[in-house]
Amino acid sequence: MPADFFEPISDHKTPPSYFFFDGDSWRAAEGGKTTPVISPIDGQTIGNVQMVTSSDIDAVMARAVQSQRAWEATPLNKRASIIHLAADWIRHYEDYLVALLMREIGKTADEAKGEIVRTADLIDYYAKEAQSIRGETVDSDNFPGYEKGKTALIDRVAHGVVLAIAPFNYPVNLSASKLAPALLMGNSVVLKPSTQGGISALHLVRIFEKAGVPKGVISAVTGTGDVIGDALMKHPAVSMVAFTGSSDTGRAIGGLSGMKPLLFECGGNNPAVIMPDADMNLAAREIVKGGFAYAGQRCTGIKYVLATPAVREQLLPAVLEEMKKSVNAGDPRSPETKMVGPVISARAADRIEKVIQDAVKQGATLVAGGGRTDALVEPTVLTGVTPSMEVIAKETFGPVVSFVEIQSMDDAMSIINASSYGLQASVFTRDEGAGLVFGKQLNVGTIQINGSPQRGPDHFPFMGIKGSGVGVQGVRYSLEAMSRLRSVVLNKPS
């Protein structure tokens, strides 16, 4: 039963206070302070999470350092078996975790289930792929001027202690995408989840604990970034930082982390470019899916559409028609709700509403939506948006799609390449060759031809440039990032 399995992680009061995991036990923070987690659905407190102190963090880090060497020395096949078991436990408690995600972060049932199922599959794939990671040998006589006599034995070893920082929008999946590869490569991991989404992430940590991850190798600390961020980022025990979140926060973390390996997935602000020969119905479906899934709270969402006036006149009616069929804003617990439930908080809704209103004041036209009730923001479409307006100059992270007028593909390329973001871009055309030629001129991590941006399939490389990230993720790429090369050179006597 879920109640028995997850029993240690909270005090079971109403509402419950959830403990942090110090690597050995679930306990309250030394200072005795907690912060509430508010459901975006109804504004009710669904639980409280601990506000850990710097002394709590020191103790967690000391335990992580102490346990890491023995974990790395554990045979890989045994580490992989533990990770496979964690995936099995996630599947076993799928319904429970789906309900928790819906309540905590406002996802629809389909979106929440998709996250849980995908997470279990991802963890299994990591465990299988890790067993194909191999070292190599390099001989000295390959290089001009050297004879035989030196051989480099090159293998992959753990960094040590990985600090994993996860966001609110995929608190299970984007925690697991850090925990699994880090653990498989022999690291200890300290997880810092977002406060909103933190309850779901703590459940995931309990699953890894029950699967058999040894004491000290995995831990989870909670609290607000402004209170514990410096203590975590500057901690001398941290060997690597893996982070998903906003570009502004990523820059701050990078500045605090010093000379440590970083693996960052930050803001997206992705455009869709519509060429004149595009299939407008296909483009409309992908724009709606890309712009409004999980109320637009995705770094891989489509944020703005670049089209000439003639193309926009064909495309916009198709987008509005597709919205009628595919989008229905409301309570995510209702089967009638499609894609758009509440955004993560009323405060977030305030910000999104203001950005929309500011765009209209600056000359944009509101074609659909624009209103909000509490944390529920209506699916919104704007036309007449310019690149200087905040609605596309910064990542809005809400259910808003903006149309930007261009006169040529060169205009589209200039707007995209001038952006401070560089995660993905979509190009819609019936001429795949033309799409490839144009796409290769875009300064982003990934170009999608005739599809909306996405993270996946998960074994594909996933990366951002500029303000959108550092490093490459994806199953094999994440495993490599969570480890480092080590070279031992054998010098043979002449």
Protein backbone atom coordinates (compact mmCIF):
# COMPACT_ATOMS: atom_id res chain seq x y z
CA MET A 1 0.00 0.00 0.00
CA PRO A 2 1.29 3.54 -0.73
CA ALA A 3 0.68 4.59 2.88
CA ASP A 4 3.09 1.94 4.15
CA PHE A 5 5.71 2.41 1.43
CA PHE A 6 5.88 6.20 1.82
CA GLU A 7 5.17 6.25 5.57
CA PRO A 8 8.53 7.69 6.77
CA ILE A 9 8.54 10.80 4.58
CA SER A 10 5.89 12.84 6.46
CA ASP A 11 4.26 13.31 9.86
CA HIS A 12 0.79 12.40 8.47
CA LYS A 13 -0.91 15.43 9.99
CA THR A 14 -3.46 17.54 8.08
CA PRO A 15 -1.84 19.04 6.12
CA PRO A 16 1.28 16.88 6.45
CA SER A 17 4.78 18.17 6.92
CA TYR A 18 7.24 16.32 4.69
CA PHE A 19 10.72 15.59 5.98
CA PHE A 20 13.96 15.97 4.11
CA PHE A 21 16.18 12.91 3.55
CA ASP A 22 19.64 13.30 5.03
CA GLY A 23 20.95 10.17 3.32
CA ASP A 24 20.21 8.02 6.33
CA SER A 25 16.78 9.01 7.64
CA TRP A 26 13.81 11.26 7.00
CA ARG A 27 13.79 14.10 9.50
CA ALA A 28 12.84 17.66 10.27
CA ALA A 29 15.21 20.54 9.60
CA GLU A 30 17.39 21.67 12.47
CA GLY A 31 15.75 25.08 12.60
CA GLY A 32 12.24 23.62 12.76
CA LYS A 33 10.98 25.83 9.92
CA THR A 34 8.82 24.71 7.00
CA THR A 35 7.29 26.35 3.94
CA PRO A 36 3.87 25.51 2.50
CA VAL A 37 3.19 23.89 -0.86
CA ILE A 38 0.00 25.39 -2.32
CA SER A 39 -2.08 23.56 -4.89
CA PRO A 40 -2.59 25.73 -7.99
CA ILE A 41 -5.99 24.09 -8.44
CA ASP A 42 -7.75 25.47 -5.38
CA GLY A 43 -5.17 27.42 -3.38
CA GLN A 44 -5.20 24.89 -0.56
CA THR A 45 -2.07 23.89 1.34
CA ILE A 46 -1.39 20.27 0.45
CA GLY A 47 1.68 19.97 2.64
CA ASN A 48 4.74 21.66 4.04
CA VAL A 49 8.37 20.99 3.22
CA GLN A 50 11.37 21.55 5.45
CA MET A 51 13.54 24.65 5.34
CA VAL A 52 16.93 23.06 5.86
CA THR A 53 19.78 24.97 7.45
CA SER A 54 23.44 25.27 6.52
CA SER A 55 24.30 22.77 9.25
CA ASP A 56 21.78 20.30 7.77
CA ILE A 57 23.47 20.77 4.39
CA ASP A 58 26.94 20.24 5.87
CA ALA A 59 25.84 16.95 7.44
CA VAL A 60 24.24 15.77 4.18
CA MET A 61 27.34 16.62 2.17
CA ALA A 62 29.67 14.90 4.63
CA ARG A 63 27.61 11.71 4.41
CA ALA A 64 27.51 11.95 0.60
CA VAL A 65 31.31 12.26 0.40
CA GLN A 66 31.86 9.42 2.85
CA SER A 67 29.60 6.97 0.99
CA GLN A 68 30.56 7.79 -2.60
CA ARG A 69 33.75 5.74 -2.99
CA ALA A 70 32.11 2.50 -1.87
CA TRP A 71 29.17 3.12 -4.19
CA GLU A 72 31.48 3.72 -7.16
CA ALA A 73 33.29 0.49 -6.28
CA THR A 74 30.00 -1.43 -6.39
CA PRO A 75 29.84 -3.50 -9.60
CA LEU A 76 27.94 -1.70 -12.34
CA ASN A 77 25.57 -4.62 -12.82
CA LYS A 78 24.49 -4.27 -9.17
CA ARG A 79 24.04 -0.50 -9.49
CA ALA A 80 21.97 -1.09 -12.63
CA SER A 81 19.78 -3.67 -10.87
CA ILE A 82 18.95 -1.13 -8.15
CA ILE A 83 18.05 1.50 -10.74
CA HIS A 84 15.86 -0.99 -12.65
CA LEU A 85 14.03 -1.75 -9.40
CA ALA A 86 13.35 1.95 -8.88
CA ALA A 87 11.67 2.02 -12.31
CA ASP A 88 9.55 -0.98 -11.29
CA TRP A 89 8.44 0.76 -8.10
CA ILE A 90 7.43 3.84 -10.08
CA ARG A 91 5.22 1.69 -12.31
CA HIS A 92 3.77 -0.05 -9.26
CA TYR A 93 2.72 3.28 -7.71
CA GLU A 94 1.77 4.96 -10.98
CA ASP A 95 -1.81 5.87 -10.00
CA TYR A 96 -0.71 7.28 -6.66
CA LEU A 97 2.04 9.39 -8.20
CA VAL A 98 -0.24 10.62 -11.00
CA ALA A 99 -2.81 11.87 -8.47
CA LEU A 100 -0.06 13.57 -6.48
CA LEU A 101 1.32 15.37 -9.54
CA MET A 102 -2.13 16.59 -10.52
CA ARG A 103 -2.77 17.99 -7.07
CA GLU A 104 0.65 19.51 -6.51
CA ILE A 105 1.42 21.15 -9.87
CA GLY A 106 -1.93 21.23 -11.68
CA LYS A 107 -1.26 18.80 -14.53
CA THR A 108 -4.13 17.10 -16.32
CA ALA A 109 -4.46 13.34 -15.82
CA ASP A 110 -3.00 12.61 -19.24
CA GLU A 111 -0.02 14.90 -18.70
CA ALA A 112 0.68 13.55 -15.22
CA LYS A 113 0.43 9.94 -16.38
CA GLY A 114 2.70 10.71 -19.31
CA GLU A 115 5.35 12.05 -16.94
CA ILE A 116 5.25 9.02 -14.65
CA VAL A 117 5.28 6.43 -17.45
CA ARG A 118 8.05 8.25 -19.28
CA THR A 119 10.12 8.46 -16.10
CA ALA A 120 10.02 4.71 -15.49
CA ASP A 121 10.95 4.02 -19.12
CA LEU A 122 13.76 6.59 -18.98
CA ILE A 123 15.27 5.09 -15.82
CA ASP A 124 15.26 1.61 -17.36
CA TYR A 125 16.91 2.92 -20.53
CA TYR A 126 19.61 4.64 -18.50
CA ALA A 127 20.37 1.41 -16.62
CA LYS A 128 20.68 -0.56 -19.87
CA GLU A 129 22.77 2.09 -21.64
CA ALA A 130 25.17 2.48 -18.71
CA GLN A 131 26.32 -1.09 -19.21
CA SER A 132 27.56 -0.24 -22.69
CA ILE A 133 29.82 2.62 -21.54
CA ARG A 134 33.38 1.55 -22.23
CA GLY A 135 36.91 2.85 -21.87
CA GLU A 136 39.66 2.70 -24.46
CA THR A 137 43.40 2.38 -24.90
CA VAL A 138 45.57 4.71 -27.00
CA ASP A 139 49.13 3.91 -28.08
CA SER A 140 51.85 6.53 -28.26
CA ASP A 141 53.14 5.64 -31.73
CA ASN A 142 49.94 6.99 -33.32
CA PHE A 143 51.42 10.51 -32.93
CA PRO A 144 54.36 11.71 -35.09
CA GLY A 145 57.71 11.49 -33.39
CA TYR A 146 56.75 8.84 -30.83
CA GLU A 147 57.74 5.20 -30.77
CA LYS A 148 55.85 2.44 -29.04
CA GLY A 149 56.31 2.39 -25.29
CA LYS A 150 53.49 4.48 -23.86
CA THR A 151 49.90 3.31 -23.57
CA ALA A 152 47.06 5.43 -22.17
CA LEU A 153 44.36 3.44 -20.36
CA ILE A 154 41.30 5.69 -20.47
CA ASP A 155 38.15 5.00 -18.48
CA ARG A 156 35.22 6.90 -17.04
CA VAL A 157 34.97 7.66 -13.33
CA ALA A 158 32.49 9.50 -11.14
CA HIS A 159 32.78 13.21 -10.41
CA GLY A 160 32.05 12.62 -6.72
CA VAL A 161 29.02 14.45 -5.29
CA VAL A 162 26.49 15.76 -7.82
CA LEU A 163 24.13 18.54 -6.79
CA ALA A 164 20.92 18.01 -8.78
CA ILE A 165 18.45 20.92 -8.92
CA ALA A 166 15.02 20.11 -10.37
CA PRO A 167 12.16 22.41 -11.50
CA PHE A 168 8.47 22.48 -10.65
CA ASN A 169 7.08 21.58 -14.07
CA TYR A 170 8.42 18.02 -14.31
CA PRO A 171 9.40 17.31 -10.70
CA VAL A 172 9.54 13.54 -11.12
CA ASN A 173 10.94 13.23 -14.64
CA LEU A 174 13.52 16.00 -14.41
CA SER A 175 14.67 14.73 -11.02
CA ALA A 176 15.02 11.19 -12.33
CA SER A 177 16.88 12.38 -15.44
CA LYS A 178 19.61 13.61 -13.08
CA LEU A 179 19.46 11.00 -10.33
CA ALA A 180 19.60 7.91 -12.54
CA PRO A 181 22.67 8.75 -14.67
CA ALA A 182 24.54 10.25 -11.72
CA LEU A 183 23.97 7.16 -9.58
CA LEU A 184 24.76 4.74 -12.39
CA MET A 185 28.12 6.41 -12.99
CA GLY A 186 29.03 6.02 -9.31
CA ASN A 187 28.28 9.47 -7.90
CA SER A 188 26.52 10.38 -4.70
CA VAL A 189 23.62 12.75 -5.39
CA VAL A 190 22.08 15.54 -3.35
CA LEU A 191 18.71 16.52 -4.84
CA LYS A 192 17.30 20.00 -4.35
CA PRO A 193 13.77 20.03 -5.82
CA SER A 194 11.66 23.11 -6.38
CA THR A 195 9.40 23.84 -3.42
CA GLN A 196 6.39 23.50 -5.73
CA GLY A 197 6.81 19.95 -6.95
CA GLY A 198 9.01 19.12 -3.98
CA ILE A 199 6.52 16.68 -2.47
CA SER A 200 6.45 14.62 -5.67
CA ALA A 201 10.25 14.69 -5.85
CA LEU A 202 10.56 13.48 -2.25
CA HIS A 203 8.37 10.51 -3.13
CA LEU A 204 10.80 9.71 -5.96
CA VAL A 205 13.75 9.81 -3.57
CA ARG A 206 11.93 7.39 -1.26
CA ILE A 207 11.54 5.05 -4.24
CA PHE A 208 15.29 5.10 -4.91
CA GLU A 209 15.95 4.54 -1.22
CA LYS A 210 13.61 1.53 -1.12
CA ALA A 211 15.14 0.17 -4.34
CA GLY A 212 18.40 -0.25 -2.46
CA VAL A 213 20.55 2.84 -2.99
CA PRO A 214 22.92 2.70 0.02
CA LYS A 215 22.82 5.15 2.88
CA GLY A 216 24.40 8.50 2.13
CA VAL A 217 24.50 7.96 -1.63
CA ILE A 218 21.20 9.75 -2.25
CA SER A 219 19.71 12.57 -0.21
CA ALA A 220 17.18 15.36 -0.69
CA VAL A 221 17.17 18.84 0.84
CA THR A 222 14.29 21.30 0.60
CA GLY A 223 13.88 25.01 1.12
CA THR A 224 13.74 28.19 -0.92
CA GLY A 225 16.65 29.04 -3.18
CA ASP A 226 17.14 32.49 -1.70
CA VAL A 227 17.77 30.90 1.72
CA ILE A 228 19.86 27.81 0.94
CA GLY A 229 21.08 28.47 -2.61
CA ASP A 230 24.47 29.92 -1.66
CA ALA A 231 25.14 27.19 0.91
CA LEU A 232 24.50 24.49 -1.70
CA MET A 233 26.22 26.05 -4.72
CA LYS A 234 29.36 27.12 -2.88
CA HIS A 235 29.72 23.97 -0.83
CA PRO A 236 33.22 22.52 -1.25
CA ALA A 237 31.88 18.94 -1.27
CA VAL A 238 29.94 19.50 -4.52
CA SER A 239 31.85 18.20 -7.53
CA MET A 240 29.26 18.92 -10.25
CA VAL A 241 25.97 20.79 -10.63
CA ALA A 242 23.05 19.60 -12.79
CA PHE A 243 20.25 22.16 -13.05
CA THR A 244 16.95 22.69 -14.83
CA GLY A 245 15.20 26.04 -14.46
CA SER A 246 15.11 29.61 -15.68
CA SER A 247 17.95 31.28 -17.53
CA ASP A 248 18.31 33.96 -14.85
CA THR A 249 18.67 31.36 -12.11
CA GLY A 250 21.08 29.36 -14.25
CA ARG A 251 23.34 32.37 -14.67
CA ALA A 252 23.29 32.97 -10.91
CA ILE A 253 24.13 29.33 -10.15
CA GLY A 254 26.92 29.34 -12.71
CA GLY A 255 28.42 32.40 -11.06
CA LEU A 256 28.36 30.75 -7.63
CA SER A 257 29.58 27.32 -8.65
CA GLY A 258 33.12 28.20 -9.63
CA MET A 259 35.24 25.76 -11.64
CA LYS A 260 32.89 22.80 -11.47
CA PRO A 261 31.35 20.84 -14.35
CA LEU A 262 27.87 22.15 -15.16
CA LEU A 263 24.94 20.52 -16.96
CA PHE A 264 22.19 23.12 -17.39
CA GLU A 265 18.82 23.11 -19.12
CA CYS A 266 17.44 26.65 -18.97
CA GLY A 267 14.79 28.79 -20.66
CA GLY A 268 13.47 28.02 -24.12
CA ASN A 269 11.40 30.77 -25.79
CA ASN A 270 11.18 28.71 -28.96
CA PRO A 271 9.97 30.09 -32.32
CA ALA A 272 8.03 28.41 -35.10
CA VAL A 273 8.91 29.58 -38.61
CA ILE A 274 6.18 29.03 -41.21
CA MET A 275 7.41 28.93 -44.79
CA PRO A 276 4.90 29.84 -47.53
CA ASP A 277 4.61 26.24 -48.77
CA ALA A 278 3.94 24.76 -45.30
CA ASP A 279 1.02 22.43 -44.56
CA MET A 280 -1.02 24.96 -42.57
CA ASN A 281 -3.16 22.35 -40.83
CA LEU A 282 -0.08 20.46 -39.66
CA ALA A 283 1.57 23.68 -38.52
CA ALA A 284 -1.58 24.70 -36.64
CA ARG A 285 -1.77 21.37 -34.80
CA GLU A 286 1.87 21.55 -33.77
CA ILE A 287 1.63 25.21 -32.71
CA VAL A 288 -1.37 24.50 -30.51
CA LYS A 289 0.23 21.42 -28.98
CA GLY A 290 3.56 23.15 -28.58
CA GLY A 291 2.11 26.38 -27.22
CA PHE A 292 -0.56 25.17 -24.80
CA ALA A 293 0.42 21.75 -23.41
CA TYR A 294 0.70 22.00 -19.61
CA ALA A 295 -0.51 25.58 -19.89
CA GLY A 296 2.65 26.57 -21.76
CA GLN A 297 4.86 25.85 -18.74
CA ARG A 298 7.49 23.99 -20.72
CA CYS A 299 10.94 25.09 -21.82
CA THR A 300 10.20 23.24 -25.07
CA GLY A 301 6.96 25.11 -25.73
CA ILE A 302 6.36 27.20 -28.86
CA LYS A 303 6.28 30.80 -27.68
CA TYR A 304 6.02 32.75 -30.92
CA VAL A 305 5.27 32.24 -34.62
CA LEU A 306 7.18 33.96 -37.42
CA ALA A 307 5.18 34.35 -40.63
CA THR A 308 4.64 36.79 -43.48
CA PRO A 309 1.27 38.56 -43.59
CA ALA A 310 0.06 36.29 -46.39
CA VAL A 311 1.03 33.15 -44.49
CA ARG A 312 -0.48 34.44 -41.25
CA GLU A 313 -3.82 35.02 -42.99
CA GLN A 314 -3.90 31.32 -43.89
CA LEU A 315 -2.47 30.01 -40.63
CA LEU A 316 -4.26 32.01 -37.94
CA PRO A 317 -7.78 30.68 -38.70
CA ALA A 318 -6.40 27.14 -38.66
CA VAL A 319 -4.77 27.74 -35.26
CA LEU A 320 -7.99 29.16 -33.79
CA GLU A 321 -9.98 26.24 -35.16
CA GLU A 322 -7.50 23.74 -33.75
CA MET A 323 -7.74 25.43 -30.35
CA LYS A 324 -11.48 24.87 -30.32
CA LYS A 325 -10.92 21.14 -30.87
CA SER A 326 -7.85 20.51 -28.76
CA VAL A 327 -7.82 23.03 -25.89
CA ASN A 328 -10.26 23.41 -23.04
CA ALA A 329 -9.06 25.32 -20.00
CA GLY A 330 -10.27 24.27 -16.58
CA ASP A 331 -9.73 22.14 -13.49
CA PRO A 332 -7.12 19.52 -14.43
CA ARG A 333 -9.02 16.91 -12.44
CA SER A 334 -11.94 17.19 -14.88
CA PRO A 335 -11.87 14.86 -17.89
CA GLU A 336 -13.20 17.76 -19.96
CA THR A 337 -10.04 19.83 -19.42
CA LYS A 338 -7.55 19.64 -22.28
CA MET A 339 -3.98 20.95 -22.06
CA VAL A 340 -4.62 24.11 -20.04
CA GLY A 341 -5.10 23.87 -16.31
CA PRO A 342 -3.93 26.51 -13.85
CA VAL A 343 -0.40 27.83 -13.99
CA ILE A 344 1.75 27.00 -10.99
CA SER A 345 0.57 29.89 -8.77
CA ALA A 346 -1.56 33.01 -8.65
CA ARG A 347 1.67 35.00 -8.59
CA ALA A 348 2.74 33.40 -11.87
CA ALA A 349 -0.70 34.18 -13.31
CA ASP A 350 -0.30 37.82 -12.26
CA ARG A 351 2.98 38.04 -14.17
CA ILE A 352 1.59 36.38 -17.30
CA GLU A 353 -1.50 38.60 -17.26
CA LYS A 354 0.67 41.72 -16.96
CA VAL A 355 2.89 40.63 -19.87
CA ILE A 356 -0.20 40.14 -22.06
CA GLN A 357 -1.66 43.50 -21.07
CA ASP A 358 1.65 45.27 -21.68
CA ALA A 359 1.88 43.77 -25.17
CA VAL A 360 -1.62 45.02 -25.99
CA LYS A 361 -0.74 48.49 -24.69
CA GLN A 362 2.30 48.48 -26.97
CA GLY A 363 0.23 47.67 -30.06
CA ALA A 364 -0.37 43.90 -30.10
CA THR A 365 -3.88 42.62 -30.88
CA LEU A 366 -5.61 40.14 -28.59
CA VAL A 367 -7.14 37.51 -30.86
CA ALA A 368 -8.08 34.91 -28.23
CA GLY A 369 -8.02 34.65 -24.45
CA GLY A 370 -6.26 37.23 -22.33
CA GLY A 371 -8.25 36.75 -19.15
CA ARG A 372 -7.53 34.86 -15.96
CA THR A 373 -9.32 33.57 -12.86
CA ASP A 374 -7.07 32.92 -9.88
CA ALA A 375 -4.23 30.79 -11.32
CA LEU A 376 -6.12 29.84 -14.48
CA VAL A 377 -4.93 31.89 -17.47
CA GLU A 378 -6.99 31.63 -20.65
CA PRO A 379 -5.25 30.21 -23.73
CA THR A 380 -4.10 33.40 -25.41
CA VAL A 381 -3.16 34.33 -28.98
CA LEU A 382 -1.62 37.69 -29.84
CA THR A 383 -0.87 39.19 -33.23
CA GLY A 384 1.16 42.27 -34.10
CA VAL A 385 3.83 41.36 -31.55
CA THR A 386 7.32 42.75 -32.05
CA PRO A 387 10.61 41.25 -30.81
CA SER A 388 11.11 44.03 -28.28
CA MET A 389 7.91 43.21 -26.38
CA GLU A 390 8.50 41.29 -23.16
CA VAL A 391 6.01 38.59 -24.15
CA ILE A 392 8.66 37.15 -26.48
CA ALA A 393 11.82 38.98 -25.41
CA LYS A 394 11.70 36.91 -22.21
CA GLU A 395 10.22 33.47 -21.61
CA THR A 396 6.58 34.01 -20.61
CA PHE A 397 6.08 30.41 -19.38
CA GLY A 398 2.33 30.44 -19.77
CA PRO A 399 -0.42 29.61 -22.31
CA VAL A 400 0.44 32.41 -24.73
CA VAL A 401 1.33 32.18 -28.43
CA SER A 402 2.43 35.37 -30.19
CA PHE A 403 2.46 36.03 -33.94
CA VAL A 404 5.35 38.15 -35.21
CA GLU A 405 5.18 39.57 -38.74
CA ILE A 406 8.17 39.09 -41.03
CA GLN A 407 8.78 40.03 -44.65
CA SER A 408 11.29 37.29 -45.48
CA MET A 409 13.06 34.23 -44.10
CA ASP A 410 16.08 36.45 -43.52
CA ASP A 411 13.95 38.46 -41.07
CA ALA A 412 13.04 35.25 -39.22
CA MET A 413 16.66 34.17 -39.05
CA SER A 414 17.74 37.57 -37.70
CA ILE A 415 15.09 37.58 -34.97
CA ILE A 416 15.93 34.05 -33.82
CA ASN A 417 19.68 34.53 -33.85
CA ALA A 418 19.44 37.85 -32.01
CA SER A 419 17.54 36.23 -29.14
CA SER A 420 19.32 35.56 -25.86
CA TYR A 421 17.74 32.08 -25.94
CA GLY A 422 18.82 29.16 -28.08
CA LEU A 423 17.06 25.92 -27.16
CA GLN A 424 15.01 24.83 -30.19
CA ALA A 425 13.22 26.20 -33.24
CA SER A 426 10.54 24.67 -35.47
CA VAL A 427 10.48 25.10 -39.25
CA PHE A 428 7.37 24.14 -41.21
CA THR A 429 7.67 23.48 -44.95
CA ARG A 430 6.78 20.81 -47.48
CA ASP A 431 10.31 21.12 -48.86
CA GLU A 432 12.47 19.30 -46.32
CA GLY A 433 15.63 20.32 -48.19
CA ALA A 434 14.74 23.99 -47.87
CA GLY A 435 13.92 23.42 -44.21
CA LEU A 436 17.32 21.84 -43.60
CA VAL A 437 19.19 24.63 -45.38
CA PHE A 438 17.32 27.29 -43.42
CA GLY A 439 17.48 25.40 -40.11
CA LYS A 440 21.24 25.09 -40.26
CA GLN A 441 21.49 28.88 -40.21
CA LEU A 442 19.67 29.11 -36.86
CA ASN A 443 21.74 29.56 -33.72
CA VAL A 444 19.84 27.10 -31.51
CA GLY A 445 20.51 23.66 -30.07
CA THR A 446 17.94 21.70 -32.07
CA ILE A 447 15.89 22.45 -35.19
CA GLN A 448 12.61 20.58 -35.60
CA ILE A 449 11.41 20.22 -39.19
CA ASN A 450 7.60 19.96 -39.32
CA GLY A 451 7.24 19.30 -35.60
CA SER A 452 7.00 21.21 -32.35
CA PRO A 453 9.98 21.40 -29.97
CA GLN A 454 10.35 18.55 -27.54
CA ARG A 455 12.76 16.84 -25.22
CA GLY A 456 12.86 13.41 -26.74
CA PRO A 457 12.92 10.71 -27.64
CA ASP A 458 15.11 10.69 -24.57
CA HIS A 459 18.07 9.04 -26.27
CA PHE A 460 18.33 11.98 -28.70
CA PRO A 461 20.79 14.76 -27.74
CA PHE A 462 19.07 17.63 -25.95
CA MET A 463 20.95 20.88 -25.52
CA GLY A 464 20.60 24.61 -25.44
CA ILE A 465 23.05 27.34 -26.31
CA LYS A 466 23.33 30.98 -25.26
CA GLY A 467 21.00 31.50 -22.28
CA SER A 468 19.27 28.16 -22.78
CA GLY A 469 21.81 25.84 -21.28
CA VAL A 470 25.25 24.33 -20.87
CA GLY A 471 26.22 20.82 -21.97
CA VAL A 472 24.31 18.01 -23.66
CA GLN A 473 21.66 15.72 -22.17
CA GLY A 474 20.01 12.59 -23.51
CA VAL A 475 20.62 9.09 -22.20
CA ARG A 476 24.20 8.40 -23.33
CA TYR A 477 25.13 12.08 -23.27
CA SER A 478 23.91 12.47 -19.67
CA LEU A 479 25.80 9.37 -18.55
CA GLU A 480 28.96 10.81 -20.07
CA ALA A 481 28.31 14.22 -18.49
CA MET A 482 27.86 12.64 -15.07
CA SER A 483 31.36 11.18 -15.29
CA ARG A 484 34.83 12.29 -16.29
CA LEU A 485 37.63 10.73 -18.26
CA ARG A 486 40.63 9.40 -16.37
CA SER A 487 43.86 8.47 -18.11
CA VAL A 488 46.54 6.21 -16.67
CA VAL A 489 49.69 6.09 -18.82
CA LEU A 490 51.84 2.96 -18.81
CA ASN A 491 55.45 3.81 -19.63
CA LYS A 492 57.30 0.71 -20.80
CA PRO A 493 61.11 0.60 -20.42
CA SER A 494 62.96 1.01 -23.71
